Amino acid sequence: MRSLRTSLRGLVVVLLVVIAVPCSASAAARQDRAEMAILKAMNTARAQHGLPALRVNRALARAADAHSAAMLRSGAFTHGSVNARLRRYTRARSVGETLAWLTRCDSRKVVAMWLQSAAHRKIMLAPRFHAVGVGRKASPSRCMVTADFAG
């Protein structure tokens, strides 16, 4: 009876750890080469306007990655409830988001589109933002990019 109790306790502990600790793939949210190219292009634009570079924030990268994946999956191109969604990933005072939908992922085109849009330009060049996460998901016919900002 004691060994059964001990085994059950061990199983409960293992289950709690599995439930409480996210899988390493979602926890890491490492920026891939294309996402880093987008970040580099954003920081080049910010430098041209005398602004400091944005730093990658892993929590924001997870948020951006999840949102891009959801948009690609559903085919819906929308910010949705940005504030509510990002509050699950950060406690920063200020948050913002930019989105892009292209047929092919091209970091320069993404950032050029954002700079040509007054609303997106305002977010990308906001001095209050110092952290960002970029998420890019692609299919053969489309590329969804989300950049989530915090400051």
Protein backbone atom coordinates (compact mmCIF):
# COMPACT_ATOMS: atom_id res chain seq x y z
CA MET A 1 0.00 0.00 0.00
CA ARG A 2 2.82 2.36 0.83
CA SER A 3 4.57 1.80 -2.48
CA LEU A 4 1.30 2.50 -4.34
CA ARG A 5 0.90 5.76 -2.40
CA THR A 6 4.52 6.71 -3.13
CA SER A 7 4.05 5.90 -6.82
CA LEU A 8 0.88 7.99 -6.98
CA ARG A 9 2.61 10.94 -5.30
CA GLY A 10 5.43 10.66 -7.81
CA LEU A 11 2.95 10.60 -10.69
CA VAL A 12 1.12 13.65 -9.31
CA VAL A 13 4.42 15.56 -9.03
CA VAL A 14 5.37 14.67 -12.62
CA LEU A 15 1.94 15.75 -13.90
CA LEU A 16 2.12 19.05 -12.05
CA VAL A 17 5.54 19.76 -13.52
CA VAL A 18 4.36 18.90 -17.04
CA ILE A 19 1.31 21.14 -16.67
CA ALA A 20 3.15 24.06 -15.03
CA VAL A 21 6.22 24.16 -17.27
CA PRO A 22 5.59 25.04 -20.92
CA CYS A 23 7.29 22.98 -23.60
CA SER A 24 10.72 24.24 -24.62
CA ALA A 25 9.66 25.08 -28.17
CA SER A 26 6.99 27.53 -27.06
CA ALA A 27 9.01 28.82 -24.12
CA ALA A 28 12.04 29.71 -26.21
CA ALA A 29 10.32 31.48 -29.13
CA ARG A 30 13.67 32.09 -30.74
CA GLN A 31 13.64 34.54 -33.59
CA ASP A 32 14.45 32.87 -36.90
CA ARG A 33 16.63 34.41 -39.62
CA ALA A 34 13.72 36.19 -41.35
CA GLU A 35 12.39 37.57 -38.05
CA MET A 36 15.86 38.84 -37.15
CA ALA A 37 16.07 40.52 -40.58
CA ILE A 38 12.78 42.29 -39.85
CA LEU A 39 14.13 43.40 -36.47
CA LYS A 40 17.33 44.65 -38.11
CA ALA A 41 15.32 46.63 -40.69
CA MET A 42 13.15 48.14 -37.91
CA ASN A 43 16.25 49.12 -35.92
CA THR A 44 17.83 50.67 -39.02
CA ALA A 45 14.70 52.82 -39.47
CA ARG A 46 14.70 53.73 -35.77
CA ALA A 47 18.40 54.69 -35.91
CA GLN A 48 17.69 56.96 -38.91
CA HIS A 49 15.22 58.78 -36.67
CA GLY A 50 17.61 59.03 -33.72
CA LEU A 51 15.84 56.31 -31.71
CA PRO A 52 17.45 53.49 -29.71
CA ALA A 53 17.38 49.94 -31.02
CA LEU A 54 14.60 47.59 -30.00
CA ARG A 55 15.61 44.52 -27.96
CA VAL A 56 14.07 41.11 -28.50
CA ASN A 57 11.74 40.08 -25.70
CA ARG A 58 11.02 36.34 -25.66
CA ALA A 59 7.55 36.72 -24.16
CA LEU A 60 6.60 39.22 -26.86
CA ALA A 61 8.12 36.89 -29.47
CA ARG A 62 5.84 34.10 -28.21
CA ALA A 63 2.86 36.45 -28.41
CA ALA A 64 3.74 37.55 -31.94
CA ASP A 65 4.44 34.00 -33.07
CA ALA A 66 1.13 32.75 -31.68
CA HIS A 67 -0.81 35.59 -33.31
CA SER A 68 0.82 35.10 -36.72
CA ALA A 69 0.09 31.36 -36.51
CA ALA A 70 -3.55 32.03 -35.57
CA MET A 71 -4.00 34.48 -38.46
CA LEU A 72 -2.41 32.06 -40.95
CA ARG A 73 -4.57 29.19 -39.67
CA SER A 74 -7.83 31.15 -39.74
CA GLY A 75 -7.13 33.33 -42.77
CA ALA A 76 -8.29 36.35 -40.72
CA PHE A 77 -6.01 39.38 -40.80
CA THR A 78 -6.86 41.28 -37.63
CA HIS A 79 -5.33 42.71 -34.48
CA GLY A 80 -8.24 41.48 -32.38
CA SER A 81 -7.98 42.48 -28.72
CA VAL A 82 -4.31 43.50 -28.79
CA ASN A 83 -4.23 44.92 -25.28
CA ALA A 84 -5.94 41.93 -23.67
CA ARG A 85 -3.85 39.44 -25.65
CA LEU A 86 -0.50 41.12 -24.93
CA ARG A 87 -1.28 41.51 -21.22
CA ARG A 88 -0.95 37.72 -20.99
CA TYR A 89 2.70 38.09 -22.02
CA THR A 90 3.89 41.36 -20.49
CA ARG A 91 3.23 43.81 -17.69
CA ALA A 92 4.74 46.74 -19.56
CA ARG A 93 2.90 50.05 -19.27
CA SER A 94 2.53 50.49 -22.98
CA VAL A 95 2.03 47.94 -25.75
CA GLY A 96 1.57 48.15 -29.50
CA GLU A 97 1.37 45.92 -32.54
CA THR A 98 2.01 46.02 -36.26
CA LEU A 99 0.86 43.38 -38.75
CA ALA A 100 1.78 42.52 -42.33
CA TRP A 101 0.29 40.09 -44.84
CA LEU A 102 2.33 39.41 -47.95
CA THR A 103 2.45 36.68 -50.57
CA ARG A 104 6.17 36.16 -49.86
CA CYS A 105 8.16 36.96 -46.72
CA ASP A 106 10.51 39.86 -47.39
CA SER A 107 11.85 41.76 -44.37
CA ARG A 108 12.51 44.98 -46.27
CA LYS A 109 9.02 45.02 -47.79
CA VAL A 110 7.44 44.40 -44.39
CA VAL A 111 9.23 47.33 -42.77
CA ALA A 112 8.73 49.57 -45.85
CA MET A 113 4.97 48.88 -45.67
CA TRP A 114 4.94 49.77 -41.98
CA LEU A 115 6.85 52.99 -42.61
CA GLN A 116 4.38 54.01 -45.35
CA SER A 117 1.40 53.56 -43.04
CA ALA A 118 1.00 56.46 -40.59
CA ALA A 119 -0.45 54.25 -37.84
CA HIS A 120 2.20 51.54 -38.19
CA ARG A 121 5.00 54.08 -38.53
CA LYS A 122 3.87 55.76 -35.31
CA ILE A 123 4.08 52.46 -33.41
CA MET A 124 7.39 51.31 -34.91
CA LEU A 125 9.04 54.67 -34.28
CA ALA A 126 7.54 55.31 -30.84
CA PRO A 127 10.32 56.28 -28.40
CA ARG A 128 8.43 54.65 -25.51
CA PHE A 129 8.92 51.17 -27.00
CA HIS A 130 12.18 49.44 -26.20
CA ALA A 131 11.26 45.74 -26.54
CA VAL A 132 9.78 43.78 -29.41
CA GLY A 133 8.89 40.27 -30.45
CA VAL A 134 8.52 39.38 -34.11
CA GLY A 135 6.52 36.36 -35.25
CA ARG A 136 6.38 35.20 -38.85
CA LYS A 137 4.39 32.28 -40.20
CA ALA A 138 4.17 31.34 -43.85
CA SER A 139 2.35 29.02 -46.21
CA PRO A 140 3.10 28.61 -49.92
CA SER A 141 0.82 31.54 -50.76
CA ARG A 142 1.04 33.95 -47.83
CA CYS A 143 3.24 35.29 -45.09
CA MET A 144 1.83 36.70 -41.85
CA VAL A 145 4.05 38.91 -39.70
CA THR A 146 3.28 40.28 -36.25
CA ALA A 147 5.52 42.65 -34.31
CA ASP A 148 4.49 43.14 -30.68
CA PHE A 149 6.03 46.10 -28.85
CA ALA A 150 6.34 47.02 -25.19
CA GLY A 151 7.70 49.95 -23.28
